[in-house]
Amino acid sequence: MFHLAAATFLIAAGVGGLTALPVSARIKTISQCAAELTERGFTVNDQDVTKDKLFEEVYGFSAAKNNEKWEFKMDEKCKILYEHRNE
């Protein structure tokens, strides 16, 4: 009887764990990604959302840090896909 109850609990926990997305896998807004750049010390000057061939949407940013201009592209999880310092 104990084994049946334990097995039922483990199955329920496994199904519940599979249906919930981890926090890092959730889609974030462009403002949340801009805030992450700000936390890294950048001043975001411009932001836009573009469609990309490889990704659903790509967030584009123009930013500055230490008098240097930067361009960033991030996915919907705020992962940096492209980073370029303009000279």
C-alpha atoms as a PDB file:
ATOM      1  CA  MET A   1       0.000   0.000   0.000  1.00  0.00           C
ATOM      2  CA  PHE A   2       2.854   2.382   0.840  1.00  0.00           C
ATOM      3  CA  HIS A   3       4.508   1.700  -2.530  1.00  0.00           C
ATOM      4  CA  LEU A   4       1.291   2.519  -4.379  1.00  0.00           C
ATOM      5  CA  ALA A   5       0.953   5.841  -2.551  1.00  0.00           C
ATOM      6  CA  ALA A   6       4.615   6.690  -3.149  1.00  0.00           C
ATOM      7  CA  ALA A   7       4.363   5.825  -6.854  1.00  0.00           C
ATOM      8  CA  THR A   8       1.227   7.961  -7.233  1.00  0.00           C
ATOM      9  CA  PHE A   9       2.960  10.901  -5.559  1.00  0.00           C
ATOM     10  CA  LEU A  10       6.036  10.592  -7.789  1.00  0.00           C
ATOM     11  CA  ILE A  11       3.933  10.425 -10.958  1.00  0.00           C
ATOM     12  CA  ALA A  12       1.923  13.482  -9.923  1.00  0.00           C
ATOM     13  CA  ALA A  13       5.092  15.405  -9.101  1.00  0.00           C
ATOM     14  CA  GLY A  14       6.661  14.448 -12.428  1.00  0.00           C
ATOM     15  CA  VAL A  15       3.654  15.539 -14.460  1.00  0.00           C
ATOM     16  CA  GLY A  16       3.462  18.828 -12.558  1.00  0.00           C
ATOM     17  CA  GLY A  17       7.154  19.443 -13.120  1.00  0.00           C
ATOM     18  CA  LEU A  18       6.846  18.921 -16.856  1.00  0.00           C
ATOM     19  CA  THR A  19       3.962  21.327 -17.332  1.00  0.00           C
ATOM     20  CA  ALA A  20       5.505  24.325 -15.550  1.00  0.00           C
ATOM     21  CA  LEU A  21       8.024  26.326 -17.543  1.00  0.00           C
ATOM     22  CA  PRO A  22      11.158  27.392 -15.730  1.00  0.00           C
ATOM     23  CA  VAL A  23      11.475  31.119 -15.193  1.00  0.00           C
ATOM     24  CA  SER A  24      14.392  31.374 -17.629  1.00  0.00           C
ATOM     25  CA  ALA A  25      12.315  29.859 -20.464  1.00  0.00           C
ATOM     26  CA  ARG A  26       9.482  32.391 -20.272  1.00  0.00           C
ATOM     27  CA  ILE A  27       9.185  35.113 -22.880  1.00  0.00           C
ATOM     28  CA  LYS A  28      10.282  38.505 -21.600  1.00  0.00           C
ATOM     29  CA  THR A  29       9.246  41.928 -22.824  1.00  0.00           C
ATOM     30  CA  ILE A  30      11.547  44.318 -24.629  1.00  0.00           C
ATOM     31  CA  SER A  31      11.483  46.536 -21.532  1.00  0.00           C
ATOM     32  CA  GLN A  32      12.731  43.677 -19.346  1.00  0.00           C
ATOM     33  CA  CYS A  33      15.618  43.047 -21.755  1.00  0.00           C
ATOM     34  CA  ALA A  34      16.439  46.772 -21.820  1.00  0.00           C
ATOM     35  CA  ALA A  35      16.518  46.692 -18.017  1.00  0.00           C
ATOM     36  CA  GLU A  36      19.073  43.863 -18.163  1.00  0.00           C
ATOM     37  CA  LEU A  37      21.331  46.009 -20.357  1.00  0.00           C
ATOM     38  CA  THR A  38      20.893  48.888 -17.919  1.00  0.00           C
ATOM     39  CA  GLU A  39      21.948  46.582 -15.077  1.00  0.00           C
ATOM     40  CA  ARG A  40      25.129  45.878 -17.037  1.00  0.00           C
ATOM     41  CA  GLY A  41      25.904  49.597 -17.088  1.00  0.00           C
ATOM     42  CA  PHE A  42      24.549  50.534 -20.535  1.00  0.00           C
ATOM     43  CA  THR A  43      22.282  53.469 -21.302  1.00  0.00           C
ATOM     44  CA  VAL A  44      19.662  52.283 -23.799  1.00  0.00           C
ATOM     45  CA  ASN A  45      19.029  54.992 -26.421  1.00  0.00           C
ATOM     46  CA  ASP A  46      16.737  53.150 -28.828  1.00  0.00           C
ATOM     47  CA  GLN A  47      14.887  49.835 -28.945  1.00  0.00           C
ATOM     48  CA  ASP A  48      12.782  48.032 -31.523  1.00  0.00           C
ATOM     49  CA  VAL A  49      11.269  44.646 -32.302  1.00  0.00           C
ATOM     50  CA  THR A  50      12.057  43.006 -35.631  1.00  0.00           C
ATOM     51  CA  LYS A  51      11.119  39.714 -37.244  1.00  0.00           C
ATOM     52  CA  ASP A  52      14.032  37.403 -37.926  1.00  0.00           C
ATOM     53  CA  LYS A  53      14.397  34.313 -40.138  1.00  0.00           C
ATOM     54  CA  LEU A  54      15.767  32.157 -37.323  1.00  0.00           C
ATOM     55  CA  PHE A  55      13.761  33.508 -34.385  1.00  0.00           C
ATOM     56  CA  GLU A  56      10.169  34.636 -33.859  1.00  0.00           C
ATOM     57  CA  GLU A  57      11.050  38.135 -32.764  1.00  0.00           C
ATOM     58  CA  VAL A  58      14.361  39.816 -32.086  1.00  0.00           C
ATOM     59  CA  TYR A  59      14.773  42.799 -29.811  1.00  0.00           C
ATOM     60  CA  GLY A  60      17.216  45.395 -31.135  1.00  0.00           C
ATOM     61  CA  PHE A  61      18.930  47.979 -28.963  1.00  0.00           C
ATOM     62  CA  SER A  62      21.239  50.940 -29.428  1.00  0.00           C
ATOM     63  CA  ALA A  63      23.082  51.681 -26.227  1.00  0.00           C
ATOM     64  CA  ALA A  64      26.054  53.562 -24.843  1.00  0.00           C
ATOM     65  CA  LYS A  65      28.607  52.842 -22.139  1.00  0.00           C
ATOM     66  CA  ASN A  66      31.736  54.835 -21.324  1.00  0.00           C
ATOM     67  CA  ASN A  67      31.180  57.110 -24.360  1.00  0.00           C
ATOM     68  CA  GLU A  68      31.115  54.078 -26.686  1.00  0.00           C
ATOM     69  CA  LYS A  69      28.115  53.230 -28.832  1.00  0.00           C
ATOM     70  CA  TRP A  70      26.891  49.628 -28.931  1.00  0.00           C
ATOM     71  CA  GLU A  71      24.323  47.630 -30.912  1.00  0.00           C
ATOM     72  CA  PHE A  72      22.626  44.578 -29.409  1.00  0.00           C
ATOM     73  CA  LYS A  73      20.159  41.979 -30.615  1.00  0.00           C
ATOM     74  CA  MET A  74      18.450  39.770 -28.043  1.00  0.00           C
ATOM     75  CA  ASP A  75      15.941  36.945 -28.248  1.00  0.00           C
ATOM     76  CA  GLU A  76      12.689  36.793 -26.268  1.00  0.00           C
ATOM     77  CA  LYS A  77      14.564  35.324 -23.292  1.00  0.00           C
ATOM     78  CA  CYS A  78      16.999  38.284 -23.241  1.00  0.00           C
ATOM     79  CA  LYS A  79      19.855  36.122 -24.502  1.00  0.00           C
ATOM     80  CA  ILE A  80      22.308  38.276 -26.457  1.00  0.00           C
ATOM     81  CA  LEU A  81      22.445  37.069 -30.063  1.00  0.00           C
ATOM     82  CA  TYR A  82      24.561  39.909 -31.477  1.00  0.00           C
ATOM     83  CA  GLU A  83      26.763  42.497 -29.798  1.00  0.00           C
ATOM     84  CA  HIS A  84      28.779  45.119 -31.657  1.00  0.00           C
ATOM     85  CA  ARG A  85      30.714  48.161 -30.519  1.00  0.00           C
ATOM     86  CA  ASN A  86      30.565  50.995 -33.063  1.00  0.00           C
ATOM     87  CA  GLU A  87      33.863  52.740 -33.577  1.00  0.00           C
END
